[in-house]
Amino acid sequence: MILEADVDGRPVGVGTLVLDPSKTAKVSITVRNNTSTVQRVKTVRISGTALALTFFAYDTTVPFDVPAKSSETRSFPLEPTDLGSQAIGLLPVAVEVVDTQRDTIASVETTGDIRGSLWSVYGAFGLGVLVLTGLSWAGALIALARRRLPANRWQRAMRFLPAGIGTGLIAVISLSVLRLVAPSPTAEIPFILGAAAAAFFLGYVTPHPGGRQPSSMDAETVRFRL
């Protein structure tokens, strides 16, 4: 099965797909059945995901059959009126055709430019990650300043690890919201692993909390002995 789709006359998979919640989009799909059996399409699904999470999905019921070794084309309007409260920025978008058993039988993917609000679900998710990451860094650095980190190097490193992972997630989400880079495994993994490794190393090389700083009394004792 091969799926071809276009939105407002622009082929999906070529360039960036703009989805504006204030505008009704015209979606057209062509399903090519290269099998020897009839394929029954029930639903067309348009969804956007990031970091393995689905932030929006629109299911439109468009039932039709595609005969063997043949193709069928259907068009329908898409009104993403609530998209502004669900996502913002660049996101991977998939257009799928689903059969009567709710299985995806064909799909095409592209990068979507979602014209939503910063206070959408995706934007709020990013702000939540920012707050939690800030708290993780603050807790680790305060513990370091007060010499309350574990004595074991590996345990100290693990104390900094969540802050590093959060920093990588913030980088991925920020680049997406700023419409610079869409989230994808090739973009997510280097940022997250790199930031996590840097934080882990920082925690590993922090000074041993049991080491006592020399005081003025220590200095007086040394002079007295001399």
C-alpha atoms as a PDB file:
ATOM      1  CA  MET A   1       0.000   0.000   0.000  1.00  0.00           C
ATOM      2  CA  ILE A   2       1.241   3.441  -0.953  1.00  0.00           C
ATOM      3  CA  LEU A   3      -0.245   6.680   0.373  1.00  0.00           C
ATOM      4  CA  GLU A   4       0.072  10.063  -1.297  1.00  0.00           C
ATOM      5  CA  ALA A   5      -1.388  13.133   0.379  1.00  0.00           C
ATOM      6  CA  ASP A   6      -1.492  16.859  -0.076  1.00  0.00           C
ATOM      7  CA  VAL A   7      -2.799  19.705   2.069  1.00  0.00           C
ATOM      8  CA  ASP A   8      -4.041  22.805   0.267  1.00  0.00           C
ATOM      9  CA  GLY A   9      -2.385  21.523  -2.878  1.00  0.00           C
ATOM     10  CA  ARG A  10       1.046  20.998  -1.272  1.00  0.00           C
ATOM     11  CA  PRO A  11       2.341  17.411  -1.274  1.00  0.00           C
ATOM     12  CA  VAL A  12       2.924  15.951   2.180  1.00  0.00           C
ATOM     13  CA  GLY A  13       6.550  14.928   2.525  1.00  0.00           C
ATOM     14  CA  VAL A  14       7.897  17.751   0.368  1.00  0.00           C
ATOM     15  CA  GLY A  15       8.915  20.771   2.431  1.00  0.00           C
ATOM     16  CA  THR A  16       7.211  21.823   5.649  1.00  0.00           C
ATOM     17  CA  LEU A  17       3.484  21.326   6.210  1.00  0.00           C
ATOM     18  CA  VAL A  18       1.917  24.453   7.728  1.00  0.00           C
ATOM     19  CA  LEU A  19      -1.062  23.830  10.018  1.00  0.00           C
ATOM     20  CA  ASP A  20      -2.871  26.968  11.148  1.00  0.00           C
ATOM     21  CA  PRO A  21      -5.733  26.528  13.649  1.00  0.00           C
ATOM     22  CA  SER A  22      -7.464  29.619  12.238  1.00  0.00           C
ATOM     23  CA  LYS A  23      -7.745  28.178   8.723  1.00  0.00           C
ATOM     24  CA  THR A  24      -9.631  25.239   7.241  1.00  0.00           C
ATOM     25  CA  ALA A  25      -7.301  23.009   5.249  1.00  0.00           C
ATOM     26  CA  LYS A  26      -8.288  20.890   2.263  1.00  0.00           C
ATOM     27  CA  VAL A  27      -6.777  17.418   2.526  1.00  0.00           C
ATOM     28  CA  SER A  28      -6.566  15.069  -0.440  1.00  0.00           C
ATOM     29  CA  ILE A  29      -5.287  11.491  -0.261  1.00  0.00           C
ATOM     30  CA  THR A  30      -4.594   8.851  -2.884  1.00  0.00           C
ATOM     31  CA  VAL A  31      -4.254   5.227  -1.780  1.00  0.00           C
ATOM     32  CA  ARG A  32      -2.541   2.859  -4.206  1.00  0.00           C
ATOM     33  CA  ASN A  33      -3.272  -0.799  -3.571  1.00  0.00           C
ATOM     34  CA  ASN A  34      -0.460  -2.963  -4.936  1.00  0.00           C
ATOM     35  CA  THR A  35      -1.777  -6.111  -3.249  1.00  0.00           C
ATOM     36  CA  SER A  36      -4.055  -8.794  -4.652  1.00  0.00           C
ATOM     37  CA  THR A  37      -6.917  -8.139  -2.214  1.00  0.00           C
ATOM     38  CA  VAL A  38      -9.371  -5.311  -1.614  1.00  0.00           C
ATOM     39  CA  GLN A  39      -8.290  -2.867   1.111  1.00  0.00           C
ATOM     40  CA  ARG A  40     -10.996  -1.206   3.170  1.00  0.00           C
ATOM     41  CA  VAL A  41     -10.181   2.246   4.472  1.00  0.00           C
ATOM     42  CA  LYS A  42     -12.231   3.640   7.325  1.00  0.00           C
ATOM     43  CA  THR A  43     -10.322   6.596   8.792  1.00  0.00           C
ATOM     44  CA  VAL A  44      -7.698   9.138   7.829  1.00  0.00           C
ATOM     45  CA  ARG A  45      -5.559  10.202  10.790  1.00  0.00           C
ATOM     46  CA  ILE A  46      -3.314  13.265  10.987  1.00  0.00           C
ATOM     47  CA  SER A  47      -1.138  13.354  14.104  1.00  0.00           C
ATOM     48  CA  GLY A  48       1.856  15.167  15.539  1.00  0.00           C
ATOM     49  CA  THR A  49       4.380  13.595  17.898  1.00  0.00           C
ATOM     50  CA  ALA A  50       7.535  14.571  19.759  1.00  0.00           C
ATOM     51  CA  LEU A  51       9.715  12.692  22.251  1.00  0.00           C
ATOM     52  CA  ALA A  52       7.557   9.582  21.683  1.00  0.00           C
ATOM     53  CA  LEU A  53       4.445  11.489  22.829  1.00  0.00           C
ATOM     54  CA  THR A  54       1.418  12.355  20.675  1.00  0.00           C
ATOM     55  CA  PHE A  55       0.404  15.992  21.121  1.00  0.00           C
ATOM     56  CA  PHE A  56      -2.441  16.133  18.623  1.00  0.00           C
ATOM     57  CA  ALA A  57      -4.402  13.721  16.444  1.00  0.00           C
ATOM     58  CA  TYR A  58      -7.344  14.256  14.089  1.00  0.00           C
ATOM     59  CA  ASP A  59      -9.349  11.263  12.892  1.00  0.00           C
ATOM     60  CA  THR A  60     -11.680  11.823   9.935  1.00  0.00           C
ATOM     61  CA  THR A  61     -14.035   9.028   8.922  1.00  0.00           C
ATOM     62  CA  VAL A  62     -13.730   8.535   5.164  1.00  0.00           C
ATOM     63  CA  PRO A  63     -14.870   4.970   4.389  1.00  0.00           C
ATOM     64  CA  PHE A  64     -14.003   3.591   0.959  1.00  0.00           C
ATOM     65  CA  ASP A  65     -12.617   0.459  -0.684  1.00  0.00           C
ATOM     66  CA  VAL A  66      -9.476   0.267  -2.774  1.00  0.00           C
ATOM     67  CA  PRO A  67      -9.667  -2.597  -5.308  1.00  0.00           C
ATOM     68  CA  ALA A  68      -6.634  -4.804  -5.893  1.00  0.00           C
ATOM     69  CA  LYS A  69      -3.995  -3.300  -8.193  1.00  0.00           C
ATOM     70  CA  SER A  70      -5.895  -0.026  -8.249  1.00  0.00           C
ATOM     71  CA  SER A  71      -6.020   3.368  -6.553  1.00  0.00           C
ATOM     72  CA  GLU A  72      -8.642   5.647  -5.040  1.00  0.00           C
ATOM     73  CA  THR A  73      -8.600   9.357  -4.221  1.00  0.00           C
ATOM     74  CA  ARG A  74     -10.618  11.157  -1.582  1.00  0.00           C
ATOM     75  CA  SER A  75     -10.722  14.764  -0.367  1.00  0.00           C
ATOM     76  CA  PHE A  76     -12.110  16.298   2.800  1.00  0.00           C
ATOM     77  CA  PRO A  77     -11.824  19.524   4.851  1.00  0.00           C
ATOM     78  CA  LEU A  78      -9.786  19.641   8.042  1.00  0.00           C
ATOM     79  CA  GLU A  79     -10.719  22.214  10.676  1.00  0.00           C
ATOM     80  CA  PRO A  80      -7.983  22.168  13.359  1.00  0.00           C
ATOM     81  CA  THR A  81      -9.708  24.803  15.496  1.00  0.00           C
ATOM     82  CA  ASP A  82      -8.288  23.460  18.778  1.00  0.00           C
ATOM     83  CA  LEU A  83      -4.780  22.924  17.427  1.00  0.00           C
ATOM     84  CA  GLY A  84      -3.614  26.200  18.957  1.00  0.00           C
ATOM     85  CA  SER A  85      -4.086  24.749  22.444  1.00  0.00           C
ATOM     86  CA  GLN A  86      -2.295  21.505  21.615  1.00  0.00           C
ATOM     87  CA  ALA A  87       1.043  22.264  19.976  1.00  0.00           C
ATOM     88  CA  ILE A  88       3.435  24.896  18.653  1.00  0.00           C
ATOM     89  CA  GLY A  89       6.555  24.934  16.495  1.00  0.00           C
ATOM     90  CA  LEU A  90       8.080  22.226  14.342  1.00  0.00           C
ATOM     91  CA  LEU A  91       6.822  18.701  14.986  1.00  0.00           C
ATOM     92  CA  PRO A  92       6.942  15.413  13.067  1.00  0.00           C
ATOM     93  CA  VAL A  93       3.518  14.933  11.450  1.00  0.00           C
ATOM     94  CA  ALA A  94       2.116  11.692  10.037  1.00  0.00           C
ATOM     95  CA  VAL A  95      -0.840  11.178   7.700  1.00  0.00           C
ATOM     96  CA  GLU A  96      -2.195   7.625   7.971  1.00  0.00           C
ATOM     97  CA  VAL A  97      -5.045   5.594   6.530  1.00  0.00           C
ATOM     98  CA  VAL A  98      -6.605   3.176   8.995  1.00  0.00           C
ATOM     99  CA  ASP A  99      -8.689   0.126   8.148  1.00  0.00           C
ATOM    100  CA  THR A 100     -11.800  -1.228   9.848  1.00  0.00           C
ATOM    101  CA  GLN A 101      -9.626  -3.116  12.371  1.00  0.00           C
ATOM    102  CA  ARG A 102      -7.983   0.189  13.372  1.00  0.00           C
ATOM    103  CA  ASP A 103      -4.666  -0.898  11.867  1.00  0.00           C
ATOM    104  CA  THR A 104      -2.575   1.533   9.839  1.00  0.00           C
ATOM    105  CA  ILE A 105      -2.295   0.243   6.296  1.00  0.00           C
ATOM    106  CA  ALA A 106      -0.311   3.124   4.771  1.00  0.00           C
ATOM    107  CA  SER A 107       1.253   6.373   5.925  1.00  0.00           C
ATOM    108  CA  VAL A 108       3.381   9.316   4.893  1.00  0.00           C
ATOM    109  CA  GLU A 109       5.427  11.524   7.210  1.00  0.00           C
ATOM    110  CA  THR A 110       6.645  15.102   7.096  1.00  0.00           C
ATOM    111  CA  THR A 111       7.658  18.038   9.290  1.00  0.00           C
ATOM    112  CA  GLY A 112       4.774  20.213  10.401  1.00  0.00           C
ATOM    113  CA  ASP A 113       4.917  23.894  11.292  1.00  0.00           C
ATOM    114  CA  ILE A 114       2.213  24.212  13.940  1.00  0.00           C
ATOM    115  CA  ARG A 115       0.987  27.780  14.419  1.00  0.00           C
ATOM    116  CA  GLY A 116      -0.210  27.227  17.963  1.00  0.00           C
ATOM    117  CA  SER A 117       0.228  28.994  21.295  1.00  0.00           C
ATOM    118  CA  LEU A 118       3.168  28.880  23.712  1.00  0.00           C
ATOM    119  CA  TRP A 119       0.587  27.941  26.343  1.00  0.00           C
ATOM    120  CA  SER A 120      -0.467  24.867  24.385  1.00  0.00           C
ATOM    121  CA  VAL A 121       0.018  21.359  25.764  1.00  0.00           C
ATOM    122  CA  TYR A 122       3.400  21.095  24.051  1.00  0.00           C
ATOM    123  CA  GLY A 123       4.475  24.540  25.238  1.00  0.00           C
ATOM    124  CA  ALA A 124       3.338  23.807  28.802  1.00  0.00           C
ATOM    125  CA  PHE A 125       5.189  20.488  28.651  1.00  0.00           C
ATOM    126  CA  GLY A 126       8.380  22.358  27.764  1.00  0.00           C
ATOM    127  CA  LEU A 127       7.865  24.879  30.569  1.00  0.00           C
ATOM    128  CA  GLY A 128       7.278  22.019  33.019  1.00  0.00           C
ATOM    129  CA  VAL A 129      10.531  20.352  31.951  1.00  0.00           C
ATOM    130  CA  LEU A 130      12.299  23.717  32.369  1.00  0.00           C
ATOM    131  CA  VAL A 131      11.033  24.115  35.938  1.00  0.00           C
ATOM    132  CA  LEU A 132      11.924  20.551  36.945  1.00  0.00           C
ATOM    133  CA  THR A 133      15.372  20.860  35.394  1.00  0.00           C
ATOM    134  CA  GLY A 134      15.988  24.112  37.236  1.00  0.00           C
ATOM    135  CA  LEU A 135      15.000  22.453  40.513  1.00  0.00           C
ATOM    136  CA  SER A 136      17.296  19.491  39.772  1.00  0.00           C
ATOM    137  CA  TRP A 137      20.271  21.763  39.105  1.00  0.00           C
ATOM    138  CA  ALA A 138      19.493  23.878  42.170  1.00  0.00           C
ATOM    139  CA  GLY A 139      19.253  20.817  44.431  1.00  0.00           C
ATOM    140  CA  ALA A 140      22.500  19.314  43.145  1.00  0.00           C
ATOM    141  CA  LEU A 141      24.463  22.570  43.335  1.00  0.00           C
ATOM    142  CA  ILE A 142      23.152  23.466  46.801  1.00  0.00           C
ATOM    143  CA  ALA A 143      24.096  19.997  48.027  1.00  0.00           C
ATOM    144  CA  LEU A 144      27.548  20.500  46.507  1.00  0.00           C
ATOM    145  CA  ALA A 145      27.991  23.883  48.216  1.00  0.00           C
ATOM    146  CA  ARG A 146      26.888  22.462  51.586  1.00  0.00           C
ATOM    147  CA  ARG A 147      29.021  19.325  51.158  1.00  0.00           C
ATOM    148  CA  ARG A 148      26.003  17.045  51.390  1.00  0.00           C
ATOM    149  CA  LEU A 149      26.627  15.010  48.267  1.00  0.00           C
ATOM    150  CA  PRO A 150      27.279  11.258  48.648  1.00  0.00           C
ATOM    151  CA  ALA A 151      30.866  10.227  49.369  1.00  0.00           C
ATOM    152  CA  ASN A 152      30.831   7.747  46.478  1.00  0.00           C
ATOM    153  CA  ARG A 153      31.818   9.326  43.131  1.00  0.00           C
ATOM    154  CA  TRP A 154      29.292   7.301  41.138  1.00  0.00           C
ATOM    155  CA  GLN A 155      26.482   8.315  43.463  1.00  0.00           C
ATOM    156  CA  ARG A 156      27.497  11.971  43.127  1.00  0.00           C
ATOM    157  CA  ALA A 157      27.464  11.587  39.360  1.00  0.00           C
ATOM    158  CA  MET A 158      23.984  10.046  39.466  1.00  0.00           C
ATOM    159  CA  ARG A 159      22.788  13.034  41.521  1.00  0.00           C
ATOM    160  CA  PHE A 160      23.642  15.330  38.588  1.00  0.00           C
ATOM    161  CA  LEU A 161      22.336  13.008  35.858  1.00  0.00           C
ATOM    162  CA  PRO A 162      18.612  14.022  35.956  1.00  0.00           C
ATOM    163  CA  ALA A 163      19.588  17.677  35.585  1.00  0.00           C
ATOM    164  CA  GLY A 164      21.649  16.793  32.513  1.00  0.00           C
ATOM    165  CA  ILE A 165      18.811  14.827  30.921  1.00  0.00           C
ATOM    166  CA  GLY A 166      16.435  17.708  31.569  1.00  0.00           C
ATOM    167  CA  THR A 167      18.883  20.140  29.972  1.00  0.00           C
ATOM    168  CA  GLY A 168      18.973  17.995  26.831  1.00  0.00           C
ATOM    169  CA  LEU A 169      15.172  17.867  26.707  1.00  0.00           C
ATOM    170  CA  ILE A 170      14.983  21.646  27.055  1.00  0.00           C
ATOM    171  CA  ALA A 171      17.377  22.047  24.122  1.00  0.00           C
ATOM    172  CA  VAL A 172      15.267  19.746  21.925  1.00  0.00           C
ATOM    173  CA  ILE A 173      11.966  21.437  22.841  1.00  0.00           C
ATOM    174  CA  SER A 174      13.395  24.959  22.515  1.00  0.00           C
ATOM    175  CA  LEU A 175      14.744  24.299  19.017  1.00  0.00           C
ATOM    176  CA  SER A 176      11.325  22.904  18.088  1.00  0.00           C
ATOM    177  CA  VAL A 177       9.322  25.821  19.488  1.00  0.00           C
ATOM    178  CA  LEU A 178      11.689  28.337  17.869  1.00  0.00           C
ATOM    179  CA  ARG A 179      11.146  26.518  14.538  1.00  0.00           C
ATOM    180  CA  LEU A 180      14.829  25.700  14.078  1.00  0.00           C
ATOM    181  CA  VAL A 181      14.957  21.899  14.297  1.00  0.00           C
ATOM    182  CA  ALA A 182      12.065  19.429  14.555  1.00  0.00           C
ATOM    183  CA  PRO A 183      12.340  16.692  17.193  1.00  0.00           C
ATOM    184  CA  SER A 184      13.572  13.397  15.763  1.00  0.00           C
ATOM    185  CA  PRO A 185      15.812  10.557  16.975  1.00  0.00           C
ATOM    186  CA  THR A 186      18.785  12.043  15.093  1.00  0.00           C
ATOM    187  CA  ALA A 187      18.224  15.400  16.818  1.00  0.00           C
ATOM    188  CA  GLU A 188      17.015  14.212  20.231  1.00  0.00           C
ATOM    189  CA  ILE A 189      19.632  11.562  21.040  1.00  0.00           C
ATOM    190  CA  PRO A 190      22.793  13.719  20.621  1.00  0.00           C
ATOM    191  CA  PHE A 191      21.373  16.592  22.686  1.00  0.00           C
ATOM    192  CA  ILE A 192      20.017  14.425  25.499  1.00  0.00           C
ATOM    193  CA  LEU A 193      22.970  12.026  25.706  1.00  0.00           C
ATOM    194  CA  GLY A 194      25.494  14.859  25.392  1.00  0.00           C
ATOM    195  CA  ALA A 195      23.926  16.933  28.165  1.00  0.00           C
ATOM    196  CA  ALA A 196      23.469  13.848  30.359  1.00  0.00           C
ATOM    197  CA  ALA A 197      27.118  12.828  29.886  1.00  0.00           C
ATOM    198  CA  ALA A 198      28.349  16.340  30.706  1.00  0.00           C
ATOM    199  CA  ALA A 199      26.267  16.489  33.907  1.00  0.00           C
ATOM    200  CA  PHE A 200      27.311  12.953  34.888  1.00  0.00           C
ATOM    201  CA  PHE A 201      30.992  13.883  34.440  1.00  0.00           C
ATOM    202  CA  LEU A 202      30.495  17.103  36.412  1.00  0.00           C
ATOM    203  CA  GLY A 203      29.029  15.147  39.288  1.00  0.00           C
ATOM    204  CA  TYR A 204      31.800  12.548  39.100  1.00  0.00           C
ATOM    205  CA  VAL A 205      34.606  15.108  39.426  1.00  0.00           C
ATOM    206  CA  THR A 206      33.014  17.125  42.251  1.00  0.00           C
ATOM    207  CA  PRO A 207      35.191  17.219  45.388  1.00  0.00           C
ATOM    208  CA  HIS A 208      34.738  14.593  48.105  1.00  0.00           C
ATOM    209  CA  PRO A 209      32.276  15.971  50.662  1.00  0.00           C
ATOM    210  CA  GLY A 210      34.351  14.548  53.539  1.00  0.00           C
ATOM    211  CA  GLY A 211      37.349  16.732  52.777  1.00  0.00           C
ATOM    212  CA  ARG A 212      37.558  19.530  55.371  1.00  0.00           C
ATOM    213  CA  GLN A 213      38.710  22.976  54.343  1.00  0.00           C
ATOM    214  CA  PRO A 214      41.628  24.337  56.417  1.00  0.00           C
ATOM    215  CA  SER A 215      40.452  26.827  59.017  1.00  0.00           C
ATOM    216  CA  SER A 216      42.195  29.758  60.719  1.00  0.00           C
ATOM    217  CA  MET A 217      42.695  27.622  63.859  1.00  0.00           C
ATOM    218  CA  ASP A 218      44.487  24.982  61.772  1.00  0.00           C
ATOM    219  CA  ALA A 219      46.845  27.655  60.490  1.00  0.00           C
ATOM    220  CA  GLU A 220      47.558  28.898  64.052  1.00  0.00           C
ATOM    221  CA  THR A 221      48.308  25.322  65.159  1.00  0.00           C
ATOM    222  CA  VAL A 222      50.818  24.861  62.364  1.00  0.00           C
ATOM    223  CA  ARG A 223      52.631  28.092  63.246  1.00  0.00           C
ATOM    224  CA  PHE A 224      52.731  27.124  66.927  1.00  0.00           C
ATOM    225  CA  ARG A 225      54.301  23.761  66.121  1.00  0.00           C
ATOM    226  CA  LEU A 226      56.932  25.413  63.963  1.00  0.00           C
END
